[in-house]
C-alpha cells in the first residue's frame, strides 16, 4: 500500500504497518525486535504526515514523503504525468514521493528476459 497524500495523511499505510506489528503470531526473538522497528517506523510516518511540507531546499533533499522536481533522477519520472504538486519551495515544484516511478531502459528489460513492445514510446 502506498502513502496517500491527497488528504494530507497516511492513515491507510500506518494502519497496515501497525496491524503487521500487532499480530499475535510473532516469534519471541528476532521477530519481536522487527515488530518494534515496524511500530517505530509507523510512528515516524505518522509524525511526518502531520507536519507541513518543509520550506527549505535542504530539508526536501532526502525527505521521505516529498521530492523536488529538480531532484528526480535520470531513470525516474513523476507518474501519472498530471500529478499536481503539493506545494512550492523557492519557486520549485514539490511532489509527493509516491508519484515517483522508476524507469528501466530497454537493455535492463532485456537482462530480465523481457522485451519492449515495438510500438511503445519511451516516457522520458
PDB file of N, CA and C in Angstrom:
ATOM      1  N   UNK A   1       0.851  -1.182   0.000  1.00  0.00           N
ATOM      2  CA  UNK A   1       0.000   0.000   0.000  1.00  0.00           C
ATOM      3  C   UNK A   1       0.887   1.232   0.000  1.00  0.00           C
ATOM      4  N   UNK A   2       0.500   2.259  -0.720  1.00  0.00           N
ATOM      5  CA  UNK A   2       1.308   3.455  -0.782  1.00  0.00           C
ATOM      6  C   UNK A   2       0.710   4.529   0.104  1.00  0.00           C
ATOM      7  N   UNK A   3       1.522   5.497   0.432  1.00  0.00           N
ATOM      8  CA  UNK A   3       1.097   6.593   1.287  1.00  0.00           C
ATOM      9  C   UNK A   3       0.239   7.540   0.469  1.00  0.00           C
ATOM     10  N   UNK A   4      -0.933   7.860   0.952  1.00  0.00           N
ATOM     11  CA  UNK A   4      -1.832   8.752   0.239  1.00  0.00           C
ATOM     12  C   UNK A   4      -1.679  10.155   0.808  1.00  0.00           C
ATOM     13  N   UNK A   5      -1.235  11.090  -0.009  1.00  0.00           N
ATOM     14  CA  UNK A   5      -1.018  12.451   0.456  1.00  0.00           C
ATOM     15  C   UNK A   5      -2.106  13.400   0.004  1.00  0.00           C
ATOM     16  N   UNK A   6      -3.059  12.917  -0.772  1.00  0.00           N
ATOM     17  CA  UNK A   6      -4.114  13.785  -1.286  1.00  0.00           C
ATOM     18  C   UNK A   6      -4.888  14.421  -0.145  1.00  0.00           C
ATOM     19  N   UNK A   7      -5.164  13.648   0.895  1.00  0.00           N
ATOM     20  CA  UNK A   7      -5.880  14.171   2.042  1.00  0.00           C
ATOM     21  C   UNK A   7      -4.963  14.733   3.101  1.00  0.00           C
ATOM     22  N   UNK A   8      -3.673  14.672   2.877  1.00  0.00           N
ATOM     23  CA  UNK A   8      -2.720  15.204   3.831  1.00  0.00           C
ATOM     24  C   UNK A   8      -2.355  14.224   4.924  1.00  0.00           C
ATOM     25  N   UNK A   9      -2.694  12.960   4.779  1.00  0.00           N
ATOM     26  CA  UNK A   9      -2.351  11.997   5.819  1.00  0.00           C
ATOM     27  C   UNK A   9      -1.967  10.681   5.188  1.00  0.00           C
ATOM     28  N   UNK A  10      -1.454   9.789   6.005  1.00  0.00           N
ATOM     29  CA  UNK A  10      -1.076   8.467   5.510  1.00  0.00           C
ATOM     30  C   UNK A  10      -1.647   7.411   6.440  1.00  0.00           C
ATOM     31  N   UNK A  11      -2.872   7.601   6.860  1.00  0.00           N
ATOM     32  CA  UNK A  11      -3.507   6.710   7.824  1.00  0.00           C
ATOM     33  C   UNK A  11      -3.582   5.280   7.310  1.00  0.00           C
ATOM     34  N   UNK A  12      -3.899   5.083   6.026  1.00  0.00           N
ATOM     35  CA  UNK A  12      -4.007   3.737   5.479  1.00  0.00           C
ATOM     36  C   UNK A  12      -2.710   2.966   5.589  1.00  0.00           C
ATOM     37  N   UNK A  13      -1.586   3.598   5.249  1.00  0.00           N
ATOM     38  CA  UNK A  13      -0.289   2.937   5.303  1.00  0.00           C
ATOM     39  C   UNK A  13       0.111   2.656   6.742  1.00  0.00           C
ATOM     40  N   UNK A  14      -0.111   3.616   7.632  1.00  0.00           N
ATOM     41  CA  UNK A  14       0.255   3.433   9.033  1.00  0.00           C
ATOM     42  C   UNK A  14      -0.575   2.319   9.645  1.00  0.00           C
ATOM     43  N   UNK A  15      -1.845   2.256   9.333  1.00  0.00           N
ATOM     44  CA  UNK A  15      -2.701   1.212   9.881  1.00  0.00           C
ATOM     45  C   UNK A  15      -2.203  -0.159   9.465  1.00  0.00           C
ATOM     46  N   UNK A  16      -1.775  -0.298   8.198  1.00  0.00           N
ATOM     47  CA  UNK A  16      -1.273  -1.580   7.717  1.00  0.00           C
ATOM     48  C   UNK A  16       0.004  -1.968   8.457  1.00  0.00           C
ATOM     49  N   UNK A  17       0.908  -1.020   8.666  1.00  0.00           N
ATOM     50  CA  UNK A  17       2.152  -1.308   9.376  1.00  0.00           C
ATOM     51  C   UNK A  17       1.871  -1.681  10.816  1.00  0.00           C
ATOM     52  N   UNK A  18       0.939  -0.966  11.462  1.00  0.00           N
ATOM     53  CA  UNK A  18       0.605  -1.264  12.849  1.00  0.00           C
ATOM     54  C   UNK A  18      -0.057  -2.633  12.961  1.00  0.00           C
ATOM     55  N   UNK A  19      -0.941  -2.987  12.012  1.00  0.00           N
ATOM     56  CA  UNK A  19      -1.569  -4.303  12.054  1.00  0.00           C
ATOM     57  C   UNK A  19      -0.535  -5.408  11.930  1.00  0.00           C
ATOM     58  N   UNK A  20       0.465  -5.204  11.085  1.00  0.00           N
ATOM     59  CA  UNK A  20       1.517  -6.206  10.947  1.00  0.00           C
ATOM     60  C   UNK A  20       2.302  -6.319  12.236  1.00  0.00           C
ATOM     61  N   UNK A  21       2.594  -5.202  12.881  1.00  0.00           N
ATOM     62  CA  UNK A  21       3.397  -5.253  14.092  1.00  0.00           C
ATOM     63  C   UNK A  21       2.601  -5.750  15.297  1.00  0.00           C
ATOM     64  N   UNK A  22       1.283  -5.667  15.283  1.00  0.00           N
ATOM     65  CA  UNK A  22       0.474  -6.099  16.413  1.00  0.00           C
ATOM     66  C   UNK A  22      -0.035  -7.529  16.283  1.00  0.00           C
ATOM     67  N   UNK A  23       0.351  -8.256  15.236  1.00  0.00           N
ATOM     68  CA  UNK A  23      -0.156  -9.609  15.068  1.00  0.00           C
ATOM     69  C   UNK A  23       0.363 -10.518  16.164  1.00  0.00           C
ATOM     70  N   UNK A  24      -0.428 -11.515  16.557  1.00  0.00           N
ATOM     71  CA  UNK A  24      -0.099 -12.353  17.698  1.00  0.00           C
ATOM     72  C   UNK A  24       0.824 -13.512  17.358  1.00  0.00           C
ATOM     73  N   UNK A  25       1.075 -13.781  16.084  1.00  0.00           N
ATOM     74  CA  UNK A  25       1.902 -14.921  15.706  1.00  0.00           C
ATOM     75  C   UNK A  25       3.376 -14.565  15.513  1.00  0.00           C
ATOM     76  N   UNK A  26       3.841 -13.530  16.188  1.00  0.00           N
ATOM     77  CA  UNK A  26       5.227 -13.092  16.082  1.00  0.00           C
ATOM     78  C   UNK A  26       6.080 -13.883  17.070  1.00  0.00           C
ATOM     79  N   UNK A  27       7.281 -14.316  16.627  1.00  0.00           N
ATOM     80  CA  UNK A  27       8.214 -15.034  17.489  1.00  0.00           C
ATOM     81  C   UNK A  27       8.627 -14.168  18.671  1.00  0.00           C
ATOM     82  N   UNK A  28       9.202 -14.804  19.662  1.00  0.00           N
ATOM     83  CA  UNK A  28       9.676 -14.101  20.849  1.00  0.00           C
ATOM     84  C   UNK A  28      11.034 -13.456  20.608  1.00  0.00           C
ATOM     85  N   UNK A  29      11.798 -13.926  19.615  1.00  0.00           N
ATOM     86  CA  UNK A  29      13.190 -13.498  19.448  1.00  0.00           C
ATOM     87  C   UNK A  29      13.316 -12.348  18.463  1.00  0.00           C
ATOM     88  N   UNK A  30      13.801 -12.644  17.269  1.00  0.00           N
ATOM     89  CA  UNK A  30      14.082 -11.609  16.267  1.00  0.00           C
ATOM     90  C   UNK A  30      12.851 -10.947  15.718  1.00  0.00           C
ATOM     91  N   UNK A  31      11.758 -11.662  15.636  1.00  0.00           N
ATOM     92  CA  UNK A  31      10.534 -11.084  15.077  1.00  0.00           C
ATOM     93  C   UNK A  31       9.962 -10.012  15.998  1.00  0.00           C
ATOM     94  N   UNK A  32      10.167 -10.165  17.303  1.00  0.00           N
ATOM     95  CA  UNK A  32       9.680  -9.148  18.231  1.00  0.00           C
ATOM     96  C   UNK A  32      10.442  -7.844  18.027  1.00  0.00           C
ATOM     97  N   UNK A  33      11.745  -7.951  17.789  1.00  0.00           N
ATOM     98  CA  UNK A  33      12.534  -6.751  17.511  1.00  0.00           C
ATOM     99  C   UNK A  33      12.096  -6.124  16.191  1.00  0.00           C
ATOM    100  N   UNK A  34      11.785  -6.964  15.210  1.00  0.00           N
ATOM    101  CA  UNK A  34      11.305  -6.471  13.923  1.00  0.00           C
ATOM    102  C   UNK A  34       9.963  -5.760  14.081  1.00  0.00           C
ATOM    103  N   UNK A  35       9.099  -6.302  14.925  1.00  0.00           N
ATOM    104  CA  UNK A  35       7.801  -5.672  15.178  1.00  0.00           C
ATOM    105  C   UNK A  35       7.991  -4.318  15.840  1.00  0.00           C
ATOM    106  N   UNK A  36       8.964  -4.225  16.733  1.00  0.00           N
ATOM    107  CA  UNK A  36       9.261  -2.944  17.374  1.00  0.00           C
ATOM    108  C   UNK A  36       9.738  -1.925  16.364  1.00  0.00           C
ATOM    109  N   UNK A  37      10.558  -2.367  15.412  1.00  0.00           N
ATOM    110  CA  UNK A  37      11.048  -1.469  14.367  1.00  0.00           C
ATOM    111  C   UNK A  37       9.897  -1.012  13.468  1.00  0.00           C
ATOM    112  N   UNK A  38       8.952  -1.914  13.193  1.00  0.00           N
ATOM    113  CA  UNK A  38       7.794  -1.540  12.374  1.00  0.00           C
ATOM    114  C   UNK A  38       6.937  -0.497  13.073  1.00  0.00           C
ATOM    115  N   UNK A  39       6.731  -0.666  14.377  1.00  0.00           N
ATOM    116  CA  UNK A  39       5.900   0.305  15.090  1.00  0.00           C
ATOM    117  C   UNK A  39       6.625   1.645  15.195  1.00  0.00           C
ATOM    118  N   UNK A  40       7.959   1.627  15.321  1.00  0.00           N
ATOM    119  CA  UNK A  40       8.715   2.875  15.326  1.00  0.00           C
ATOM    120  C   UNK A  40       8.595   3.567  13.971  1.00  0.00           C
ATOM    121  N   UNK A  41       8.673   2.788  12.895  1.00  0.00           N
ATOM    122  CA  UNK A  41       8.538   3.343  11.549  1.00  0.00           C
ATOM    123  C   UNK A  41       7.132   3.930  11.353  1.00  0.00           C
ATOM    124  N   UNK A  42       6.118   3.218  11.842  1.00  0.00           N
ATOM    125  CA  UNK A  42       4.743   3.708  11.725  1.00  0.00           C
ATOM    126  C   UNK A  42       4.576   5.020  12.479  1.00  0.00           C
ATOM    127  N   UNK A  43       5.171   5.110  13.648  1.00  0.00           N
ATOM    128  CA  UNK A  43       5.083   6.340  14.436  1.00  0.00           C
ATOM    129  C   UNK A  43       5.805   7.486  13.729  1.00  0.00           C
ATOM    130  N   UNK A  44       6.949   7.189  13.121  1.00  0.00           N
ATOM    131  CA  UNK A  44       7.700   8.217  12.401  1.00  0.00           C
ATOM    132  C   UNK A  44       6.898   8.720  11.200  1.00  0.00           C
ATOM    133  N   UNK A  45       6.272   7.814  10.462  1.00  0.00           N
ATOM    134  CA  UNK A  45       5.448   8.204   9.310  1.00  0.00           C
ATOM    135  C   UNK A  45       4.269   9.045   9.782  1.00  0.00           C
ATOM    136  N   UNK A  46       3.658   8.657  10.879  1.00  0.00           N
ATOM    137  CA  UNK A  46       2.505   9.394  11.419  1.00  0.00           C
ATOM    138  C   UNK A  46       2.915  10.822  11.793  1.00  0.00           C
ATOM    139  N   UNK A  47       4.085  10.971  12.447  1.00  0.00           N
ATOM    140  CA  UNK A  47       4.561  12.301  12.837  1.00  0.00           C
ATOM    141  C   UNK A  47       4.899  13.147  11.618  1.00  0.00           C
ATOM    142  N   UNK A  48       5.546  12.554  10.610  1.00  0.00           N
ATOM    143  CA  UNK A  48       5.932  13.314   9.420  1.00  0.00           C
ATOM    144  C   UNK A  48       4.718  13.759   8.622  1.00  0.00           C
ATOM    145  N   UNK A  49       3.695  12.928   8.547  1.00  0.00           N
ATOM    146  CA  UNK A  49       2.496  13.282   7.790  1.00  0.00           C
ATOM    147  C   UNK A  49       1.739  14.421   8.453  1.00  0.00           C
ATOM    148  N   UNK A  50       1.876  14.552   9.750  1.00  0.00           N
ATOM    149  CA  UNK A  50       1.179  15.614  10.463  1.00  0.00           C
ATOM    150  C   UNK A  50       1.858  16.971  10.265  1.00  0.00           C
ATOM    151  N   UNK A  51       3.109  16.965   9.847  1.00  0.00           N
ATOM    152  CA  UNK A  51       3.843  18.209   9.656  1.00  0.00           C
ATOM    153  C   UNK A  51       3.588  18.774   8.256  1.00  0.00           C
ATOM    154  N   UNK A  52       3.707  20.090   8.102  1.00  0.00           N
ATOM    155  CA  UNK A  52       3.539  20.683   6.763  1.00  0.00           C
ATOM    156  C   UNK A  52       4.737  20.363   5.869  1.00  0.00           C
ATOM    157  N   UNK A  53       4.608  20.680   4.589  1.00  0.00           N
ATOM    158  CA  UNK A  53       5.693  20.474   3.636  1.00  0.00           C
ATOM    159  C   UNK A  53       6.869  21.358   4.046  1.00  0.00           C
ATOM    160  N   UNK A  54       8.083  20.798   4.150  1.00  0.00           N
ATOM    161  CA  UNK A  54       9.249  21.622   4.510  1.00  0.00           C
ATOM    162  C   UNK A  54       9.455  22.745   3.498  1.00  0.00           C
ATOM    163  N   UNK A  55       9.919  23.880   3.970  1.00  0.00           N
ATOM    164  CA  UNK A  55      10.072  25.033   3.095  1.00  0.00           C
ATOM    165  C   UNK A  55      11.530  25.375   2.804  1.00  0.00           C
ATOM    166  N   UNK A  56      12.455  24.481   3.097  1.00  0.00           N
ATOM    167  CA  UNK A  56      13.849  24.712   2.728  1.00  0.00           C
ATOM    168  C   UNK A  56      14.296  23.622   1.765  1.00  0.00           C
ATOM    169  N   UNK A  57      15.189  23.994   0.852  1.00  0.00           N
ATOM    170  CA  UNK A  57      15.676  23.043  -0.141  1.00  0.00           C
ATOM    171  C   UNK A  57      16.453  21.901   0.514  1.00  0.00           C
ATOM    172  N   UNK A  58      17.202  22.201   1.562  1.00  0.00           N
ATOM    173  CA  UNK A  58      17.987  21.170   2.251  1.00  0.00           C
ATOM    174  C   UNK A  58      17.082  20.152   2.931  1.00  0.00           C
ATOM    175  N   UNK A  59      15.984  20.602   3.510  1.00  0.00           N
ATOM    176  CA  UNK A  59      15.059  19.694   4.199  1.00  0.00           C
ATOM    177  C   UNK A  59      14.330  18.792   3.203  1.00  0.00           C
ATOM    178  N   UNK A  60      14.149  19.257   1.984  1.00  0.00           N
ATOM    179  CA  UNK A  60      13.454  18.472   0.972  1.00  0.00           C
ATOM    180  C   UNK A  60      14.377  17.524   0.214  1.00  0.00           C
ATOM    181  N   UNK A  61      15.685  17.689   0.350  1.00  0.00           N
ATOM    182  CA  UNK A  61      16.639  16.914  -0.447  1.00  0.00           C
ATOM    183  C   UNK A  61      16.456  15.410  -0.256  1.00  0.00           C
ATOM    184  N   UNK A  62      16.371  14.917   0.950  1.00  0.00           N
ATOM    185  CA  UNK A  62      16.229  13.479   1.225  1.00  0.00           C
ATOM    186  C   UNK A  62      14.947  13.178   2.003  1.00  0.00           C
ATOM    187  N   UNK A  63      13.947  14.037   1.872  1.00  0.00           N
ATOM    188  CA  UNK A  63      12.702  13.870   2.622  1.00  0.00           C
ATOM    189  C   UNK A  63      11.982  12.594   2.164  1.00  0.00           C
ATOM    190  N   UNK A  64      11.482  11.774   3.092  1.00  0.00           N
ATOM    191  CA  UNK A  64      10.848  10.508   2.702  1.00  0.00           C
ATOM    192  C   UNK A  64       9.458  10.651   2.087  1.00  0.00           C
ATOM    193  N   UNK A  65       8.790  11.790   2.242  1.00  0.00           N
ATOM    194  CA  UNK A  65       7.434  11.950   1.707  1.00  0.00           C
ATOM    195  C   UNK A  65       7.352  12.885   0.503  1.00  0.00           C
ATOM    196  N   UNK A  66       8.319  13.795   0.359  1.00  0.00           N
ATOM    197  CA  UNK A  66       8.255  14.793  -0.707  1.00  0.00           C
ATOM    198  C   UNK A  66       9.560  14.824  -1.491  1.00  0.00           C
ATOM    199  N   UNK A  67       9.482  15.287  -2.750  1.00  0.00           N
ATOM    200  CA  UNK A  67      10.661  15.415  -3.597  1.00  0.00           C
ATOM    201  C   UNK A  67      10.519  16.656  -4.468  1.00  0.00           C
ATOM    202  N   UNK A  68      11.644  17.360  -4.650  1.00  0.00           N
ATOM    203  CA  UNK A  68      11.665  18.497  -5.561  1.00  0.00           C
ATOM    204  C   UNK A  68      11.760  17.991  -6.990  1.00  0.00           C
ATOM    205  N   UNK A  69      11.204  18.750  -7.904  1.00  0.00           N
ATOM    206  CA  UNK A  69      11.242  18.349  -9.308  1.00  0.00           C
ATOM    207  C   UNK A  69      12.684  18.222  -9.799  1.00  0.00           C
ATOM    208  N   UNK A  70      13.566  19.067  -9.310  1.00  0.00           N
ATOM    209  CA  UNK A  70      14.962  19.031  -9.765  1.00  0.00           C
ATOM    210  C   UNK A  70      15.725  17.828  -9.214  1.00  0.00           C
ATOM    211  N   UNK A  71      15.228  17.188  -8.162  1.00  0.00           N
ATOM    212  CA  UNK A  71      15.904  16.043  -7.554  1.00  0.00           C
ATOM    213  C   UNK A  71      15.472  14.705  -8.151  1.00  0.00           C
ATOM    214  N   UNK A  72      14.605  14.736  -9.130  1.00  0.00           N
ATOM    215  CA  UNK A  72      14.173  13.498  -9.783  1.00  0.00           C
ATOM    216  C   UNK A  72      15.323  12.988 -10.642  1.00  0.00           C
ATOM    217  N   UNK A  73      15.666  11.727 -10.479  1.00  0.00           N
ATOM    218  CA  UNK A  73      16.828  11.151 -11.140  1.00  0.00           C
ATOM    219  C   UNK A  73      16.638  10.909 -12.626  1.00  0.00           C
ATOM    220  N   UNK A  74      17.710  10.444 -13.247  1.00  0.00           N
ATOM    221  CA  UNK A  74      17.731  10.190 -14.687  1.00  0.00           C
ATOM    222  C   UNK A  74      16.725   9.118 -15.081  1.00  0.00           C
ATOM    223  N   UNK A  75      16.591   8.090 -14.262  1.00  0.00           N
ATOM    224  CA  UNK A  75      15.681   6.980 -14.562  1.00  0.00           C
ATOM    225  C   UNK A  75      14.423   7.034 -13.693  1.00  0.00           C
ATOM    226  N   UNK A  76      13.974   8.230 -13.355  1.00  0.00           N
ATOM    227  CA  UNK A  76      12.740   8.422 -12.579  1.00  0.00           C
ATOM    228  C   UNK A  76      11.854   9.426 -13.299  1.00  0.00           C
ATOM    229  N   UNK A  77      10.557   9.331 -13.017  1.00  0.00           N
ATOM    230  CA  UNK A  77       9.585  10.243 -13.615  1.00  0.00           C
ATOM    231  C   UNK A  77       8.405  10.386 -12.659  1.00  0.00           C
ATOM    232  N   UNK A  78       7.741  11.537 -12.729  1.00  0.00           N
ATOM    233  CA  UNK A  78       6.500  11.718 -11.975  1.00  0.00           C
ATOM    234  C   UNK A  78       5.398  11.082 -12.805  1.00  0.00           C
ATOM    235  N   UNK A  79       4.741  10.075 -12.230  1.00  0.00           N
ATOM    236  CA  UNK A  79       3.683   9.380 -12.959  1.00  0.00           C
ATOM    237  C   UNK A  79       2.517   9.137 -12.031  1.00  0.00           C
ATOM    238  N   UNK A  80       1.317   9.441 -12.396  1.00  0.00           N
ATOM    239  CA  UNK A  80       0.871   9.937 -13.692  1.00  0.00           C
ATOM    240  C   UNK A  80       1.366  11.365 -13.924  1.00  0.00           C
ATOM    241  N   UNK A  81       1.510  11.704 -15.182  1.00  0.00           N
ATOM    242  CA  UNK A  81       2.097  12.988 -15.547  1.00  0.00           C
ATOM    243  C   UNK A  81       1.231  14.179 -15.152  1.00  0.00           C
ATOM    244  N   UNK A  82      -0.037  13.950 -14.883  1.00  0.00           N
ATOM    245  CA  UNK A  82      -0.915  15.056 -14.479  1.00  0.00           C
ATOM    246  C   UNK A  82      -0.970  15.213 -12.954  1.00  0.00           C
ATOM    247  N   UNK A  83      -0.031  14.614 -12.226  1.00  0.00           N
ATOM    248  CA  UNK A  83       0.027  14.752 -10.779  1.00  0.00           C
ATOM    249  C   UNK A  83       0.287  16.208 -10.418  1.00  0.00           C
ATOM    250  N   UNK A  84      -0.540  16.732  -9.537  1.00  0.00           N
ATOM    251  CA  UNK A  84      -0.388  18.125  -9.123  1.00  0.00           C
ATOM    252  C   UNK A  84       0.656  18.227  -8.021  1.00  0.00           C
ATOM    253  N   UNK A  85       1.485  19.275  -8.043  1.00  0.00           N
ATOM    254  CA  UNK A  85       2.453  19.460  -6.964  1.00  0.00           C
ATOM    255  C   UNK A  85       1.736  19.756  -5.649  1.00  0.00           C
ATOM    256  N   UNK A  86       2.339  19.334  -4.544  1.00  0.00           N
ATOM    257  CA  UNK A  86       1.737  19.584  -3.230  1.00  0.00           C
ATOM    258  C   UNK A  86       2.130  20.947  -2.699  1.00  0.00           C
ATOM    259  N   UNK A  87       3.069  21.599  -3.358  1.00  0.00           N
ATOM    260  CA  UNK A  87       3.469  22.924  -2.926  1.00  0.00           C
ATOM    261  C   UNK A  87       4.624  23.451  -3.749  1.00  0.00           C
ATOM    262  N   UNK A  88       5.083  24.635  -3.363  1.00  0.00           N
ATOM    263  CA  UNK A  88       6.230  25.266  -3.989  1.00  0.00           C
ATOM    264  C   UNK A  88       7.258  25.579  -2.915  1.00  0.00           C
ATOM    265  N   UNK A  89       8.515  25.449  -3.263  1.00  0.00           N
ATOM    266  CA  UNK A  89       9.599  25.807  -2.350  1.00  0.00           C
ATOM    267  C   UNK A  89      10.585  26.638  -3.152  1.00  0.00           C
ATOM    268  N   UNK A  90      10.620  27.929  -2.882  1.00  0.00           N
ATOM    269  CA  UNK A  90      11.508  28.854  -3.575  1.00  0.00           C
ATOM    270  C   UNK A  90      11.345  28.760  -5.086  1.00  0.00           C
ATOM    271  N   UNK A  91      10.083  28.697  -5.536  1.00  0.00           N
ATOM    272  CA  UNK A  91       9.762  28.681  -6.949  1.00  0.00           C
ATOM    273  C   UNK A  91       9.872  27.317  -7.620  1.00  0.00           C
ATOM    274  N   UNK A  92      10.228  26.286  -6.880  1.00  0.00           N
ATOM    275  CA  UNK A  92      10.358  24.942  -7.443  1.00  0.00           C
ATOM    276  C   UNK A  92       9.210  24.078  -6.951  1.00  0.00           C
ATOM    277  N   UNK A  93       8.688  23.258  -7.850  1.00  0.00           N
ATOM    278  CA  UNK A  93       7.536  22.429  -7.512  1.00  0.00           C
ATOM    279  C   UNK A  93       7.942  21.243  -6.630  1.00  0.00           C
ATOM    280  N   UNK A  94       7.099  20.952  -5.628  1.00  0.00           N
ATOM    281  CA  UNK A  94       7.310  19.843  -4.702  1.00  0.00           C
ATOM    282  C   UNK A  94       6.229  18.802  -4.971  1.00  0.00           C
ATOM    283  N   UNK A  95       6.651  17.555  -5.196  1.00  0.00           N
ATOM    284  CA  UNK A  95       5.734  16.457  -5.492  1.00  0.00           C
ATOM    285  C   UNK A  95       5.786  15.416  -4.380  1.00  0.00           C
ATOM    286  N   UNK A  96       4.712  14.637  -4.237  1.00  0.00           N
ATOM    287  CA  UNK A  96       4.780  13.517  -3.289  1.00  0.00           C
ATOM    288  C   UNK A  96       5.701  12.429  -3.843  1.00  0.00           C
ATOM    289  N   UNK A  97       6.490  11.816  -2.985  1.00  0.00           N
ATOM    290  CA  UNK A  97       7.409  10.755  -3.426  1.00  0.00           C
ATOM    291  C   UNK A  97       6.663   9.541  -3.959  1.00  0.00           C
ATOM    292  N   UNK A  98       5.426   9.357  -3.537  1.00  0.00           N
ATOM    293  CA  UNK A  98       4.657   8.215  -4.030  1.00  0.00           C
ATOM    294  C   UNK A  98       4.362   8.324  -5.524  1.00  0.00           C
ATOM    295  N   UNK A  99       4.498   9.521  -6.099  1.00  0.00           N
ATOM    296  CA  UNK A  99       4.238   9.715  -7.527  1.00  0.00           C
ATOM    297  C   UNK A  99       5.480   9.463  -8.383  1.00  0.00           C
ATOM    298  N   UNK A 100       6.622   9.186  -7.757  1.00  0.00           N
ATOM    299  CA  UNK A 100       7.853   8.938  -8.499  1.00  0.00           C
ATOM    300  C   UNK A 100       7.900   7.470  -8.903  1.00  0.00           C
ATOM    301  N   UNK A 101       8.075   7.226 -10.206  1.00  0.00           N
ATOM    302  CA  UNK A 101       8.197   5.868 -10.732  1.00  0.00           C
ATOM    303  C   UNK A 101       9.590   5.695 -11.313  1.00  0.00           C
ATOM    304  N   UNK A 102      10.155   4.525 -11.100  1.00  0.00           N
ATOM    305  CA  UNK A 102      11.478   4.215 -11.631  1.00  0.00           C
ATOM    306  C   UNK A 102      11.322   3.643 -13.036  1.00  0.00           C
ATOM    307  N   UNK A 103      12.094   4.179 -13.956  1.00  0.00           N
ATOM    308  CA  UNK A 103      12.064   3.736 -15.336  1.00  0.00           C
ATOM    309  C   UNK A 103      13.204   2.767 -15.602  1.00  0.00           C
ATOM    310  N   UNK A 104      13.040   1.921 -16.584  1.00  0.00           N
ATOM    311  CA  UNK A 104      14.084   0.982 -16.966  1.00  0.00           C
ATOM    312  C   UNK A 104      14.314   1.077 -18.468  1.00  0.00           C
ATOM    313  N   UNK A 105      15.575   1.228 -18.888  1.00  0.00           N
ATOM    314  CA  UNK A 105      15.845   1.245 -20.328  1.00  0.00           C
ATOM    315  C   UNK A 105      15.640  -0.137 -20.930  1.00  0.00           C
ATOM    316  N   UNK A 106      15.572  -0.182 -22.239  1.00  0.00           N
ATOM    317  CA  UNK A 106      15.320  -1.449 -22.943  1.00  0.00           C
ATOM    318  C   UNK A 106      16.371  -2.499 -22.608  1.00  0.00           C
ATOM    319  N   UNK A 107      17.615  -2.076 -22.399  1.00  0.00           N
ATOM    320  CA  UNK A 107      18.676  -3.035 -22.072  1.00  0.00           C
ATOM    321  C   UNK A 107      18.402  -3.745 -20.748  1.00  0.00           C
ATOM    322  N   UNK A 108      17.906  -2.997 -19.776  1.00  0.00           N
ATOM    323  CA  UNK A 108      17.601  -3.604 -18.475  1.00  0.00           C
ATOM    324  C   UNK A 108      16.431  -4.584 -18.597  1.00  0.00           C
ATOM    325  N   UNK A 109      15.447  -4.257 -19.412  1.00  0.00           N
ATOM    326  CA  UNK A 109      14.338  -5.178 -19.650  1.00  0.00           C
ATOM    327  C   UNK A 109      14.863  -6.458 -20.303  1.00  0.00           C
ATOM    328  N   UNK A 110      15.788  -6.288 -21.239  1.00  0.00           N
ATOM    329  CA  UNK A 110      16.358  -7.442 -21.930  1.00  0.00           C
ATOM    330  C   UNK A 110      17.100  -8.350 -20.943  1.00  0.00           C
ATOM    331  N   UNK A 111      17.844  -7.755 -19.999  1.00  0.00           N
ATOM    332  CA  UNK A 111      18.558  -8.547 -18.990  1.00  0.00           C
ATOM    333  C   UNK A 111      17.608  -9.332 -18.101  1.00  0.00           C
ATOM    334  N   UNK A 112      16.388  -8.855 -17.941  1.00  0.00           N
ATOM    335  CA  UNK A 112      15.382  -9.561 -17.136  1.00  0.00           C
ATOM    336  C   UNK A 112      14.529 -10.492 -17.989  1.00  0.00           C
ATOM    337  N   UNK A 113      15.016 -10.773 -19.199  1.00  0.00           N
ATOM    338  CA  UNK A 113      14.327 -11.670 -20.146  1.00  0.00           C
ATOM    339  C   UNK A 113      12.944 -11.147 -20.529  1.00  0.00           C
ATOM    340  N   UNK A 114      12.855  -9.857 -20.691  1.00  0.00           N
ATOM    341  CA  UNK A 114      11.624  -9.230 -21.148  1.00  0.00           C
ATOM    342  C   UNK A 114      11.903  -8.471 -22.430  1.00  0.00           C
ATOM    343  N   UNK A 115      10.851  -8.168 -23.169  1.00  0.00           N
ATOM    344  CA  UNK A 115      11.002  -7.451 -24.436  1.00  0.00           C
ATOM    345  C   UNK A 115      10.061  -6.257 -24.425  1.00  0.00           C
ATOM    346  N   UNK A 116      10.578  -5.116 -24.878  1.00  0.00           N
ATOM    347  CA  UNK A 116       9.758  -3.920 -25.017  1.00  0.00           C
ATOM    348  C   UNK A 116       8.987  -4.045 -26.320  1.00  0.00           C
ATOM    349  N   UNK A 117       7.700  -3.758 -26.255  1.00  0.00           N
ATOM    350  CA  UNK A 117       6.867  -3.838 -27.465  1.00  0.00           C
ATOM    351  C   UNK A 117       7.357  -2.831 -28.501  1.00  0.00           C
ATOM    352  N   UNK A 118       7.235  -3.197 -29.777  1.00  0.00           N
ATOM    353  CA  UNK A 118       7.756  -2.376 -30.861  1.00  0.00           C
ATOM    354  C   UNK A 118       7.071  -1.019 -30.943  1.00  0.00           C
ATOM    355  N   UNK A 119       5.802  -0.927 -30.616  1.00  0.00           N
ATOM    356  CA  UNK A 119       5.066   0.329 -30.747  1.00  0.00           C
ATOM    357  C   UNK A 119       5.186   1.227 -29.521  1.00  0.00           C
ATOM    358  N   UNK A 120       5.867   0.789 -28.473  1.00  0.00           N
ATOM    359  CA  UNK A 120       5.974   1.572 -27.239  1.00  0.00           C
ATOM    360  C   UNK A 120       6.880   2.791 -27.427  1.00  0.00           C
ATOM    361  N   UNK A 121       6.474   3.898 -26.834  1.00  0.00           N
ATOM    362  CA  UNK A 121       7.242   5.140 -26.869  1.00  0.00           C
ATOM    363  C   UNK A 121       7.795   5.388 -25.475  1.00  0.00           C
ATOM    364  N   UNK A 122       9.071   5.739 -25.338  1.00  0.00           N
ATOM    365  CA  UNK A 122       9.635   5.991 -24.009  1.00  0.00           C
ATOM    366  C   UNK A 122       8.966   7.193 -23.341  1.00  0.00           C
ATOM    367  N   UNK A 123       8.811   7.115 -22.015  1.00  0.00           N
ATOM    368  CA  UNK A 123       8.189   8.205 -21.274  1.00  0.00           C
ATOM    369  C   UNK A 123       9.144   9.395 -21.122  1.00  0.00           C
ATOM    370  N   UNK A 124      10.429   9.112 -21.085  1.00  0.00           N
ATOM    371  CA  UNK A 124      11.398  10.172 -20.844  1.00  0.00           C
ATOM    372  C   UNK A 124      12.534  10.079 -21.832  1.00  0.00           C
TER     373      UNK A 124
END
